[in-house]
Amino acid sequence: MNRLIHFFLALFVSGFALHGVAEGTDEAPPKYIESATLILSLTNKTGDPVKGYVLATACQTCASQRFEVNDQTKVYLRGELTDFAHLGLKIDWQGSVYYTPDGLPTVIELFLN
């Protein structure tokens, strides 16, 4: 009986310890800017991964925010998934940015109009 009590006590304490570790590894949820003027600066050479950044300005009096773009970024042009090569040389867009706020803000999805 004494061993059973010690077993349940150890199980109970380890559950709290593991819960604390799991909470410590949670990242902030992704954020988005719903409507912004976007300026793209990208490098998209054949055979190399896409890299660059997006400057997003949500309103005329708002400061621009800079977001990194990488080969994991999904880009949608007028609602359809596309790749950066189809954007051509145009750099100024209207659209939305879905990004990770932790560390260096990185674009997860980019919606262009």
PDB file of N, CA and C in Angstrom:
ATOM      1  N   MET A   1       0.818  -1.192   0.000  1.00  0.00           N
ATOM      2  CA  MET A   1       0.000   0.000   0.000  1.00  0.00           C
ATOM      3  C   MET A   1       0.864   1.261   0.000  1.00  0.00           C
ATOM      4  N   ASN A   2       1.948   1.202   0.784  1.00  0.00           N
ATOM      5  CA  ASN A   2       2.850   2.339   0.884  1.00  0.00           C
ATOM      6  C   ASN A   2       3.508   2.627  -0.470  1.00  0.00           C
ATOM      7  N   ARG A   3       3.885   1.565  -1.191  1.00  0.00           N
ATOM      8  CA  ARG A   3       4.496   1.732  -2.517  1.00  0.00           C
ATOM      9  C   ARG A   3       3.503   2.345  -3.507  1.00  0.00           C
ATOM     10  N   LEU A   4       2.268   1.947  -3.414  1.00  0.00           N
ATOM     11  CA  LEU A   4       1.236   2.468  -4.300  1.00  0.00           C
ATOM     12  C   LEU A   4       1.039   3.968  -4.083  1.00  0.00           C
ATOM     13  N   ILE A   5       1.068   4.405  -2.847  1.00  0.00           N
ATOM     14  CA  ILE A   5       0.940   5.834  -2.543  1.00  0.00           C
ATOM     15  C   ILE A   5       2.129   6.602  -3.106  1.00  0.00           C
ATOM     16  N   HIS A   6       3.345   6.051  -2.944  1.00  0.00           N
ATOM     17  CA  HIS A   6       4.542   6.701  -3.485  1.00  0.00           C
ATOM     18  C   HIS A   6       4.496   6.762  -5.016  1.00  0.00           C
ATOM     19  N   PHE A   7       3.984   5.693  -5.632  1.00  0.00           N
ATOM     20  CA  PHE A   7       3.874   5.666  -7.088  1.00  0.00           C
ATOM     21  C   PHE A   7       2.937   6.769  -7.589  1.00  0.00           C
ATOM     22  N   PHE A   8       1.757   6.881  -6.983  1.00  0.00           N
ATOM     23  CA  PHE A   8       0.808   7.911  -7.409  1.00  0.00           C
ATOM     24  C   PHE A   8       1.315   9.319  -7.115  1.00  0.00           C
ATOM     25  N   LEU A   9       2.021   9.477  -6.016  1.00  0.00           N
ATOM     26  CA  LEU A   9       2.606  10.774  -5.692  1.00  0.00           C
ATOM     27  C   LEU A   9       3.673  11.160  -6.724  1.00  0.00           C
ATOM     28  N   ALA A  10       4.522  10.206  -7.103  1.00  0.00           N
ATOM     29  CA  ALA A  10       5.554  10.467  -8.115  1.00  0.00           C
ATOM     30  C   ALA A  10       4.914  10.773  -9.464  1.00  0.00           C
ATOM     31  N   LEU A  11       3.876  10.043  -9.814  1.00  0.00           N
ATOM     32  CA  LEU A  11       3.166  10.279 -11.070  1.00  0.00           C
ATOM     33  C   LEU A  11       2.531  11.665 -11.084  1.00  0.00           C
ATOM     34  N   PHE A  12       1.947  12.055  -9.973  1.00  0.00           N
ATOM     35  CA  PHE A  12       1.308  13.361  -9.843  1.00  0.00           C
ATOM     36  C   PHE A  12       2.332  14.490  -9.986  1.00  0.00           C
ATOM     37  N   VAL A  13       3.462  14.376  -9.309  1.00  0.00           N
ATOM     38  CA  VAL A  13       4.507  15.408  -9.358  1.00  0.00           C
ATOM     39  C   VAL A  13       5.134  15.483 -10.741  1.00  0.00           C
ATOM     40  N   SER A  14       5.393  14.337 -11.376  1.00  0.00           N
ATOM     41  CA  SER A  14       5.995  14.358 -12.715  1.00  0.00           C
ATOM     42  C   SER A  14       5.034  14.960 -13.741  1.00  0.00           C
ATOM     43  N   GLY A  15       3.740  14.780 -13.536  1.00  0.00           N
ATOM     44  CA  GLY A  15       2.759  15.401 -14.438  1.00  0.00           C
ATOM     45  C   GLY A  15       2.849  16.911 -14.404  1.00  0.00           C
ATOM     46  N   PHE A  16       3.004  17.483 -13.218  1.00  0.00           N
ATOM     47  CA  PHE A  16       3.173  18.932 -13.111  1.00  0.00           C
ATOM     48  C   PHE A  16       4.490  19.388 -13.721  1.00  0.00           C
ATOM     49  N   ALA A  17       5.539  18.613 -13.533  1.00  0.00           N
ATOM     50  CA  ALA A  17       6.845  18.981 -14.089  1.00  0.00           C
ATOM     51  C   ALA A  17       6.794  18.973 -15.609  1.00  0.00           C
ATOM     52  N   LEU A  18       6.189  17.956 -16.193  1.00  0.00           N
ATOM     53  CA  LEU A  18       6.088  17.892 -17.652  1.00  0.00           C
ATOM     54  C   LEU A  18       5.184  18.985 -18.195  1.00  0.00           C
ATOM     55  N   HIS A  19       4.146  19.319 -17.473  1.00  0.00           N
ATOM     56  CA  HIS A  19       3.253  20.392 -17.904  1.00  0.00           C
ATOM     57  C   HIS A  19       4.006  21.720 -17.969  1.00  0.00           C
ATOM     58  N   GLY A  20       4.871  21.980 -17.005  1.00  0.00           N
ATOM     59  CA  GLY A  20       5.676  23.206 -17.002  1.00  0.00           C
ATOM     60  C   GLY A  20       6.638  23.254 -18.169  1.00  0.00           C
ATOM     61  N   VAL A  21       7.235  22.125 -18.540  1.00  0.00           N
ATOM     62  CA  VAL A  21       8.150  22.070 -19.684  1.00  0.00           C
ATOM     63  C   VAL A  21       7.385  22.323 -20.969  1.00  0.00           C
ATOM     64  N   ALA A  22       6.210  21.731 -21.109  1.00  0.00           N
ATOM     65  CA  ALA A  22       5.417  21.919 -22.324  1.00  0.00           C
ATOM     66  C   ALA A  22       4.979  23.364 -22.478  1.00  0.00           C
ATOM     67  N   GLU A  23       4.622  24.027 -21.377  1.00  0.00           N
ATOM     68  CA  GLU A  23       4.212  25.427 -21.468  1.00  0.00           C
ATOM     69  C   GLU A  23       5.369  26.324 -21.859  1.00  0.00           C
ATOM     70  N   GLY A  24       6.578  25.987 -21.453  1.00  0.00           N
ATOM     71  CA  GLY A  24       7.745  26.809 -21.749  1.00  0.00           C
ATOM     72  C   GLY A  24       8.134  26.790 -23.214  1.00  0.00           C
ATOM     73  N   THR A  25       7.722  25.764 -23.964  1.00  0.00           N
ATOM     74  CA  THR A  25       8.116  25.659 -25.361  1.00  0.00           C
ATOM     75  C   THR A  25       7.084  26.234 -26.318  1.00  0.00           C
ATOM     76  N   ASP A  26       5.949  26.695 -25.805  1.00  0.00           N
ATOM     77  CA  ASP A  26       4.922  27.261 -26.683  1.00  0.00           C
ATOM     78  C   ASP A  26       5.430  28.537 -27.336  1.00  0.00           C
ATOM     79  N   GLU A  27       5.192  28.649 -28.635  1.00  0.00           N
ATOM     80  CA  GLU A  27       5.544  29.861 -29.359  1.00  0.00           C
ATOM     81  C   GLU A  27       4.310  30.744 -29.453  1.00  0.00           C
ATOM     82  N   ALA A  28       4.550  32.005 -29.697  1.00  0.00           N
ATOM     83  CA  ALA A  28       3.430  32.927 -29.874  1.00  0.00           C
ATOM     84  C   ALA A  28       2.668  32.538 -31.137  1.00  0.00           C
ATOM     85  N   PRO A  29       1.355  32.651 -31.114  1.00  0.00           N
ATOM     86  CA  PRO A  29       0.579  32.309 -32.310  1.00  0.00           C
ATOM     87  C   PRO A  29       0.870  33.294 -33.440  1.00  0.00           C
ATOM     88  N   PRO A  30       0.714  32.843 -34.677  1.00  0.00           N
ATOM     89  CA  PRO A  30       0.947  33.748 -35.811  1.00  0.00           C
ATOM     90  C   PRO A  30       0.016  34.957 -35.760  1.00  0.00           C
ATOM     91  N   LYS A  31       0.479  36.057 -36.332  1.00  0.00           N
ATOM     92  CA  LYS A  31      -0.307  37.287 -36.414  1.00  0.00           C
ATOM     93  C   LYS A  31      -0.500  37.648 -37.881  1.00  0.00           C
ATOM     94  N   TYR A  32      -1.350  38.643 -38.123  1.00  0.00           N
ATOM     95  CA  TYR A  32      -1.552  39.073 -39.503  1.00  0.00           C
ATOM     96  C   TYR A  32      -1.846  40.563 -39.563  1.00  0.00           C
ATOM     97  N   ILE A  33      -1.564  41.117 -40.726  1.00  0.00           N
ATOM     98  CA  ILE A  33      -1.983  42.471 -41.072  1.00  0.00           C
ATOM     99  C   ILE A  33      -2.989  42.277 -42.189  1.00  0.00           C
ATOM    100  N   GLU A  34      -4.214  42.686 -41.939  1.00  0.00           N
ATOM    101  CA  GLU A  34      -5.309  42.365 -42.858  1.00  0.00           C
ATOM    102  C   GLU A  34      -5.239  43.119 -44.180  1.00  0.00           C
ATOM    103  N   SER A  35      -4.899  44.377 -44.138  1.00  0.00           N
ATOM    104  CA  SER A  35      -4.864  45.177 -45.360  1.00  0.00           C
ATOM    105  C   SER A  35      -3.705  46.155 -45.264  1.00  0.00           C
ATOM    106  N   ALA A  36      -2.801  46.082 -46.237  1.00  0.00           N
ATOM    107  CA  ALA A  36      -1.612  46.930 -46.179  1.00  0.00           C
ATOM    108  C   ALA A  36      -1.076  47.189 -47.575  1.00  0.00           C
ATOM    109  N   THR A  37      -0.290  48.250 -47.676  1.00  0.00           N
ATOM    110  CA  THR A  37       0.516  48.486 -48.868  1.00  0.00           C
ATOM    111  C   THR A  37       1.808  47.714 -48.648  1.00  0.00           C
ATOM    112  N   LEU A  38       2.176  46.883 -49.608  1.00  0.00           N
ATOM    113  CA  LEU A  38       3.330  46.003 -49.471  1.00  0.00           C
ATOM    114  C   LEU A  38       4.387  46.344 -50.506  1.00  0.00           C
ATOM    115  N   ILE A  39       5.632  46.388 -50.072  1.00  0.00           N
ATOM    116  CA  ILE A  39       6.774  46.555 -50.971  1.00  0.00           C
ATOM    117  C   ILE A  39       7.611  45.294 -50.846  1.00  0.00           C
ATOM    118  N   LEU A  40       7.821  44.591 -51.965  1.00  0.00           N
ATOM    119  CA  LEU A  40       8.586  43.346 -51.964  1.00  0.00           C
ATOM    120  C   LEU A  40      10.005  43.592 -52.443  1.00  0.00           C
ATOM    121  N   SER A  41      10.958  43.025 -51.747  1.00  0.00           N
ATOM    122  CA  SER A  41      12.355  43.026 -52.169  1.00  0.00           C
ATOM    123  C   SER A  41      12.843  41.589 -52.060  1.00  0.00           C
ATOM    124  N   LEU A  42      12.911  40.904 -53.201  1.00  0.00           N
ATOM    125  CA  LEU A  42      13.182  39.468 -53.208  1.00  0.00           C
ATOM    126  C   LEU A  42      14.336  39.111 -54.125  1.00  0.00           C
ATOM    127  N   THR A  43      15.018  38.029 -53.772  1.00  0.00           N
ATOM    128  CA  THR A  43      16.001  37.407 -54.645  1.00  0.00           C
ATOM    129  C   THR A  43      15.455  36.033 -54.982  1.00  0.00           C
ATOM    130  N   ASN A  44      15.248  35.774 -56.267  1.00  0.00           N
ATOM    131  CA  ASN A  44      14.659  34.514 -56.699  1.00  0.00           C
ATOM    132  C   ASN A  44      15.422  33.999 -57.909  1.00  0.00           C
ATOM    133  N   LYS A  45      16.667  33.581 -57.687  1.00  0.00           N
ATOM    134  CA  LYS A  45      17.484  33.050 -58.776  1.00  0.00           C
ATOM    135  C   LYS A  45      17.161  31.578 -58.987  1.00  0.00           C
ATOM    136  N   THR A  46      17.280  31.122 -60.214  1.00  0.00           N
ATOM    137  CA  THR A  46      17.009  29.733 -60.535  1.00  0.00           C
ATOM    138  C   THR A  46      17.945  28.826 -59.742  1.00  0.00           C
ATOM    139  N   GLY A  47      17.373  27.850 -59.076  1.00  0.00           N
ATOM    140  CA  GLY A  47      18.154  26.904 -58.288  1.00  0.00           C
ATOM    141  C   GLY A  47      18.432  27.342 -56.865  1.00  0.00           C
ATOM    142  N   ASP A  48      18.231  28.613 -56.549  1.00  0.00           N
ATOM    143  CA  ASP A  48      18.450  29.124 -55.194  1.00  0.00           C
ATOM    144  C   ASP A  48      17.105  29.330 -54.504  1.00  0.00           C
ATOM    145  N   PRO A  49      17.068  29.182 -53.186  1.00  0.00           N
ATOM    146  CA  PRO A  49      15.807  29.444 -52.481  1.00  0.00           C
ATOM    147  C   PRO A  49      15.472  30.934 -52.491  1.00  0.00           C
ATOM    148  N   VAL A  50      14.194  31.232 -52.420  1.00  0.00           N
ATOM    149  CA  VAL A  50      13.731  32.620 -52.365  1.00  0.00           C
ATOM    150  C   VAL A  50      14.137  33.210 -51.025  1.00  0.00           C
ATOM    151  N   LYS A  51      14.611  34.442 -51.052  1.00  0.00           N
ATOM    152  CA  LYS A  51      14.896  35.155 -49.809  1.00  0.00           C
ATOM    153  C   LYS A  51      14.683  36.634 -50.053  1.00  0.00           C
ATOM    154  N   GLY A  52      14.420  37.347 -48.996  1.00  0.00           N
ATOM    155  CA  GLY A  52      14.194  38.778 -49.102  1.00  0.00           C
ATOM    156  C   GLY A  52      13.324  39.262 -47.970  1.00  0.00           C
ATOM    157  N   TYR A  53      12.631  40.358 -48.232  1.00  0.00           N
ATOM    158  CA  TYR A  53      11.771  40.914 -47.194  1.00  0.00           C
ATOM    159  C   TYR A  53      10.584  41.639 -47.798  1.00  0.00           C
ATOM    160  N   VAL A  54       9.606  41.896 -46.944  1.00  0.00           N
ATOM    161  CA  VAL A  54       8.404  42.650 -47.290  1.00  0.00           C
ATOM    162  C   VAL A  54       8.307  43.814 -46.316  1.00  0.00           C
ATOM    163  N   LEU A  55       8.074  45.002 -46.845  1.00  0.00           N
ATOM    164  CA  LEU A  55       7.740  46.154 -46.007  1.00  0.00           C
ATOM    165  C   LEU A  55       6.232  46.327 -46.085  1.00  0.00           C
ATOM    166  N   ALA A  56       5.576  46.303 -44.947  1.00  0.00           N
ATOM    167  CA  ALA A  56       4.119  46.425 -44.903  1.00  0.00           C
ATOM    168  C   ALA A  56       3.739  47.690 -44.148  1.00  0.00           C
ATOM    169  N   THR A  57       2.881  48.505 -44.781  1.00  0.00           N
ATOM    170  CA  THR A  57       2.372  49.719 -44.154  1.00  0.00           C
ATOM    171  C   THR A  57       0.856  49.595 -44.088  1.00  0.00           C
ATOM    172  N   ALA A  58       0.324  49.481 -42.872  1.00  0.00           N
ATOM    173  CA  ALA A  58      -1.107  49.233 -42.692  1.00  0.00           C
ATOM    174  C   ALA A  58      -1.970  50.472 -42.918  1.00  0.00           C
ATOM    175  N   CYS A  59      -1.421  51.674 -42.683  1.00  0.00           N
ATOM    176  CA  CYS A  59      -2.179  52.906 -42.904  1.00  0.00           C
ATOM    177  C   CYS A  59      -1.199  54.028 -43.250  1.00  0.00           C
ATOM    178  N   GLN A  60      -1.722  55.162 -43.689  1.00  0.00           N
ATOM    179  CA  GLN A  60      -0.847  56.247 -44.129  1.00  0.00           C
ATOM    180  C   GLN A  60      -0.008  56.832 -43.002  1.00  0.00           C
ATOM    181  N   THR A  61      -0.500  56.797 -41.785  1.00  0.00           N
ATOM    182  CA  THR A  61       0.256  57.342 -40.657  1.00  0.00           C
ATOM    183  C   THR A  61       0.984  56.260 -39.858  1.00  0.00           C
ATOM    184  N   CYS A  62       0.841  55.005 -40.249  1.00  0.00           N
ATOM    185  CA  CYS A  62       1.492  53.893 -39.542  1.00  0.00           C
ATOM    186  C   CYS A  62       2.934  53.724 -40.010  1.00  0.00           C
ATOM    187  N   ALA A  63       3.777  53.282 -39.106  1.00  0.00           N
ATOM    188  CA  ALA A  63       5.160  52.966 -39.464  1.00  0.00           C
ATOM    189  C   ALA A  63       5.190  51.653 -40.242  1.00  0.00           C
ATOM    190  N   SER A  64       6.134  51.539 -41.160  1.00  0.00           N
ATOM    191  CA  SER A  64       6.300  50.297 -41.917  1.00  0.00           C
ATOM    192  C   SER A  64       6.857  49.213 -41.012  1.00  0.00           C
ATOM    193  N   GLN A  65       6.456  47.990 -41.286  1.00  0.00           N
ATOM    194  CA  GLN A  65       6.990  46.835 -40.585  1.00  0.00           C
ATOM    195  C   GLN A  65       7.729  45.972 -41.593  1.00  0.00           C
ATOM    196  N   ARG A  66       8.879  45.445 -41.189  1.00  0.00           N
ATOM    197  CA  ARG A  66       9.687  44.606 -42.077  1.00  0.00           C
ATOM    198  C   ARG A  66       9.537  43.143 -41.678  1.00  0.00           C
ATOM    199  N   PHE A  67       9.309  42.293 -42.678  1.00  0.00           N
ATOM    200  CA  PHE A  67       9.152  40.860 -42.472  1.00  0.00           C
ATOM    201  C   PHE A  67      10.071  40.113 -43.424  1.00  0.00           C
ATOM    202  N   GLU A  68      10.708  39.067 -42.927  1.00  0.00           N
ATOM    203  CA  GLU A  68      11.558  38.229 -43.761  1.00  0.00           C
ATOM    204  C   GLU A  68      10.697  37.295 -44.606  1.00  0.00           C
ATOM    205  N   VAL A  69      11.178  36.997 -45.810  1.00  0.00           N
ATOM    206  CA  VAL A  69      10.543  36.044 -46.715  1.00  0.00           C
ATOM    207  C   VAL A  69      11.570  34.956 -46.993  1.00  0.00           C
ATOM    208  N   ASN A  70      11.129  33.691 -46.986  1.00  0.00           N
ATOM    209  CA  ASN A  70      12.037  32.596 -47.313  1.00  0.00           C
ATOM    210  C   ASN A  70      11.325  31.598 -48.219  1.00  0.00           C
ATOM    211  N   ASP A  71      11.988  30.479 -48.480  1.00  0.00           N
ATOM    212  CA  ASP A  71      11.405  29.501 -49.399  1.00  0.00           C
ATOM    213  C   ASP A  71      10.212  28.755 -48.795  1.00  0.00           C
ATOM    214  N   GLN A  72       9.941  28.929 -47.510  1.00  0.00           N
ATOM    215  CA  GLN A  72       8.767  28.327 -46.878  1.00  0.00           C
ATOM    216  C   GLN A  72       7.531  29.224 -46.984  1.00  0.00           C
ATOM    217  N   THR A  73       7.711  30.461 -47.404  1.00  0.00           N
ATOM    218  CA  THR A  73       6.608  31.416 -47.514  1.00  0.00           C
ATOM    219  C   THR A  73       5.695  31.025 -48.674  1.00  0.00           C
ATOM    220  N   LYS A  74       4.401  30.974 -48.406  1.00  0.00           N
ATOM    221  CA  LYS A  74       3.416  30.714 -49.464  1.00  0.00           C
ATOM    222  C   LYS A  74       2.903  32.054 -49.952  1.00  0.00           C
ATOM    223  N   VAL A  75       2.787  32.201 -51.272  1.00  0.00           N
ATOM    224  CA  VAL A  75       2.289  33.450 -51.839  1.00  0.00           C
ATOM    225  C   VAL A  75       1.036  33.156 -52.666  1.00  0.00           C
ATOM    226  N   TYR A  76       0.019  33.994 -52.462  1.00  0.00           N
ATOM    227  CA  TYR A  76      -1.250  33.871 -53.174  1.00  0.00           C
ATOM    228  C   TYR A  76      -1.456  35.141 -53.984  1.00  0.00           C
ATOM    229  N   LEU A  77      -1.710  34.984 -55.261  1.00  0.00           N
ATOM    230  CA  LEU A  77      -1.980  36.112 -56.144  1.00  0.00           C
ATOM    231  C   LEU A  77      -3.446  36.050 -56.545  1.00  0.00           C
ATOM    232  N   ARG A  78      -4.207  37.056 -56.118  1.00  0.00           N
ATOM    233  CA  ARG A  78      -5.653  37.124 -56.356  1.00  0.00           C
ATOM    234  C   ARG A  78      -6.360  35.842 -55.907  1.00  0.00           C
ATOM    235  N   GLY A  79      -5.942  35.314 -54.753  1.00  0.00           N
ATOM    236  CA  GLY A  79      -6.592  34.156 -54.158  1.00  0.00           C
ATOM    237  C   GLY A  79      -6.066  32.800 -54.574  1.00  0.00           C
ATOM    238  N   GLU A  80      -5.151  32.746 -55.552  1.00  0.00           N
ATOM    239  CA  GLU A  80      -4.638  31.464 -56.017  1.00  0.00           C
ATOM    240  C   GLU A  80      -3.172  31.309 -55.644  1.00  0.00           C
ATOM    241  N   LEU A  81      -2.834  30.121 -55.134  1.00  0.00           N
ATOM    242  CA  LEU A  81      -1.457  29.829 -54.760  1.00  0.00           C
ATOM    243  C   LEU A  81      -0.563  29.911 -55.993  1.00  0.00           C
ATOM    244  N   THR A  82       0.532  30.625 -55.881  1.00  0.00           N
ATOM    245  CA  THR A  82       1.464  30.784 -56.989  1.00  0.00           C
ATOM    246  C   THR A  82       2.879  30.783 -56.428  1.00  0.00           C
ATOM    247  N   ASP A  83       3.863  31.029 -57.265  1.00  0.00           N
ATOM    248  CA  ASP A  83       5.223  31.174 -56.754  1.00  0.00           C
ATOM    249  C   ASP A  83       5.726  32.574 -57.085  1.00  0.00           C
ATOM    250  N   PHE A  84       6.835  32.937 -56.478  1.00  0.00           N
ATOM    251  CA  PHE A  84       7.339  34.300 -56.606  1.00  0.00           C
ATOM    252  C   PHE A  84       7.744  34.644 -58.036  1.00  0.00           C
ATOM    253  N   ALA A  85       8.088  33.652 -58.836  1.00  0.00           N
ATOM    254  CA  ALA A  85       8.489  33.905 -60.222  1.00  0.00           C
ATOM    255  C   ALA A  85       7.346  34.513 -61.035  1.00  0.00           C
ATOM    256  N   HIS A  86       6.097  34.210 -60.684  1.00  0.00           N
ATOM    257  CA  HIS A  86       4.944  34.728 -61.425  1.00  0.00           C
ATOM    258  C   HIS A  86       4.602  36.176 -61.086  1.00  0.00           C
ATOM    259  N   LEU A  87       5.291  36.757 -60.121  1.00  0.00           N
ATOM    260  CA  LEU A  87       5.010  38.143 -59.749  1.00  0.00           C
ATOM    261  C   LEU A  87       5.676  39.134 -60.691  1.00  0.00           C
ATOM    262  N   GLY A  88       6.629  38.664 -61.462  1.00  0.00           N
ATOM    263  CA  GLY A  88       7.321  39.553 -62.392  1.00  0.00           C
ATOM    264  C   GLY A  88       8.178  40.569 -61.660  1.00  0.00           C
ATOM    265  N   LEU A  89       8.301  41.747 -62.237  1.00  0.00           N
ATOM    266  CA  LEU A  89       9.147  42.787 -61.668  1.00  0.00           C
ATOM    267  C   LEU A  89       8.385  43.771 -60.789  1.00  0.00           C
ATOM    268  N   LYS A  90       7.091  43.577 -60.650  1.00  0.00           N
ATOM    269  CA  LYS A  90       6.296  44.486 -59.818  1.00  0.00           C
ATOM    270  C   LYS A  90       6.697  44.334 -58.353  1.00  0.00           C
ATOM    271  N   ILE A  91       6.913  45.459 -57.666  1.00  0.00           N
ATOM    272  CA  ILE A  91       7.324  45.397 -56.263  1.00  0.00           C
ATOM    273  C   ILE A  91       6.287  45.968 -55.304  1.00  0.00           C
ATOM    274  N   ASP A  92       5.374  46.803 -55.783  1.00  0.00           N
ATOM    275  CA  ASP A  92       4.382  47.410 -54.885  1.00  0.00           C
ATOM    276  C   ASP A  92       3.025  46.729 -55.069  1.00  0.00           C
ATOM    277  N   TRP A  93       2.436  46.323 -53.950  1.00  0.00           N
ATOM    278  CA  TRP A  93       1.202  45.563 -53.956  1.00  0.00           C
ATOM    279  C   TRP A  93       0.289  46.028 -52.832  1.00  0.00           C
ATOM    280  N   GLN A  94      -0.965  45.638 -52.923  1.00  0.00           N
ATOM    281  CA  GLN A  94      -1.922  45.726 -51.824  1.00  0.00           C
ATOM    282  C   GLN A  94      -2.188  44.293 -51.396  1.00  0.00           C
ATOM    283  N   GLY A  95      -2.341  44.064 -50.105  1.00  0.00           N
ATOM    284  CA  GLY A  95      -2.623  42.706 -49.678  1.00  0.00           C
ATOM    285  C   GLY A  95      -2.546  42.515 -48.186  1.00  0.00           C
ATOM    286  N   SER A  96      -2.389  41.249 -47.792  1.00  0.00           N
ATOM    287  CA  SER A  96      -2.353  40.852 -46.387  1.00  0.00           C
ATOM    288  C   SER A  96      -1.104  40.029 -46.112  1.00  0.00           C
ATOM    289  N   VAL A  97      -0.654  40.090 -44.860  1.00  0.00           N
ATOM    290  CA  VAL A  97       0.534  39.347 -44.438  1.00  0.00           C
ATOM    291  C   VAL A  97       0.178  38.528 -43.201  1.00  0.00           C
ATOM    292  N   TYR A  98       0.483  37.252 -43.241  1.00  0.00           N
ATOM    293  CA  TYR A  98       0.305  36.342 -42.114  1.00  0.00           C
ATOM    294  C   TYR A  98       1.705  35.948 -41.689  1.00  0.00           C
ATOM    295  N   TYR A  99       2.124  36.236 -40.438  1.00  0.00           N
ATOM    296  CA  TYR A  99       3.532  36.089 -40.060  1.00  0.00           C
ATOM    297  C   TYR A  99       3.709  35.562 -38.641  1.00  0.00           C
ATOM    298  N   THR A 100       4.918  35.073 -38.376  1.00  0.00           N
ATOM    299  CA  THR A 100       5.297  34.654 -37.029  1.00  0.00           C
ATOM    300  C   THR A 100       5.933  35.844 -36.333  1.00  0.00           C
ATOM    301  N   PRO A 101       5.471  36.207 -35.135  1.00  0.00           N
ATOM    302  CA  PRO A 101       6.001  37.391 -34.462  1.00  0.00           C
ATOM    303  C   PRO A 101       7.277  37.144 -33.658  1.00  0.00           C
ATOM    304  N   ASP A 102       7.628  35.886 -33.409  1.00  0.00           N
ATOM    305  CA  ASP A 102       8.789  35.575 -32.577  1.00  0.00           C
ATOM    306  C   ASP A 102      10.097  35.833 -33.307  1.00  0.00           C
ATOM    307  N   GLY A 103      11.079  36.334 -32.563  1.00  0.00           N
ATOM    308  CA  GLY A 103      12.407  36.558 -33.132  1.00  0.00           C
ATOM    309  C   GLY A 103      12.331  37.502 -34.305  1.00  0.00           C
ATOM    310  N   LEU A 104      12.852  37.068 -35.435  1.00  0.00           N
ATOM    311  CA  LEU A 104      12.792  37.839 -36.667  1.00  0.00           C
ATOM    312  C   LEU A 104      11.442  37.546 -37.323  1.00  0.00           C
ATOM    313  N   PRO A 105      10.530  38.518 -37.420  1.00  0.00           N
ATOM    314  CA  PRO A 105       9.213  38.239 -38.006  1.00  0.00           C
ATOM    315  C   PRO A 105       9.347  37.681 -39.425  1.00  0.00           C
ATOM    316  N   THR A 106       8.770  36.510 -39.649  1.00  0.00           N
ATOM    317  CA  THR A 106       8.881  35.822 -40.928  1.00  0.00           C
ATOM    318  C   THR A 106       7.495  35.596 -41.508  1.00  0.00           C
ATOM    319  N   VAL A 107       7.349  35.872 -42.801  1.00  0.00           N
ATOM    320  CA  VAL A 107       6.065  35.717 -43.483  1.00  0.00           C
ATOM    321  C   VAL A 107       5.761  34.231 -43.670  1.00  0.00           C
ATOM    322  N   ILE A 108       4.576  33.819 -43.230  1.00  0.00           N
ATOM    323  CA  ILE A 108       4.098  32.461 -43.457  1.00  0.00           C
ATOM    324  C   ILE A 108       3.326  32.433 -44.774  1.00  0.00           C
ATOM    325  N   GLU A 109       2.378  33.370 -44.910  1.00  0.00           N
ATOM    326  CA  GLU A 109       1.570  33.475 -46.121  1.00  0.00           C
ATOM    327  C   GLU A 109       1.441  34.936 -46.510  1.00  0.00           C
ATOM    328  N   LEU A 110       1.501  35.167 -47.801  1.00  0.00           N
ATOM    329  CA  LEU A 110       1.413  36.509 -48.361  1.00  0.00           C
ATOM    330  C   LEU A 110       0.275  36.505 -49.374  1.00  0.00           C
ATOM    331  N   PHE A 111      -0.711  37.369 -49.167  1.00  0.00           N
ATOM    332  CA  PHE A 111      -1.877  37.449 -50.052  1.00  0.00           C
ATOM    333  C   PHE A 111      -1.806  38.763 -50.817  1.00  0.00           C
ATOM    334  N   LEU A 112      -1.653  38.683 -52.135  1.00  0.00           N
ATOM    335  CA  LEU A 112      -1.495  39.873 -52.971  1.00  0.00           C
ATOM    336  C   LEU A 112      -2.714  40.069 -53.855  1.00  0.00           C
ATOM    337  N   ASN A 113      -3.108  41.337 -54.032  1.00  0.00           N
ATOM    338  CA  ASN A 113      -4.241  41.681 -54.906  1.00  0.00           C
ATOM    339  C   ASN A 113      -3.726  42.258 -56.204  1.00  0.00           C
TER     340      ASN A 113
END
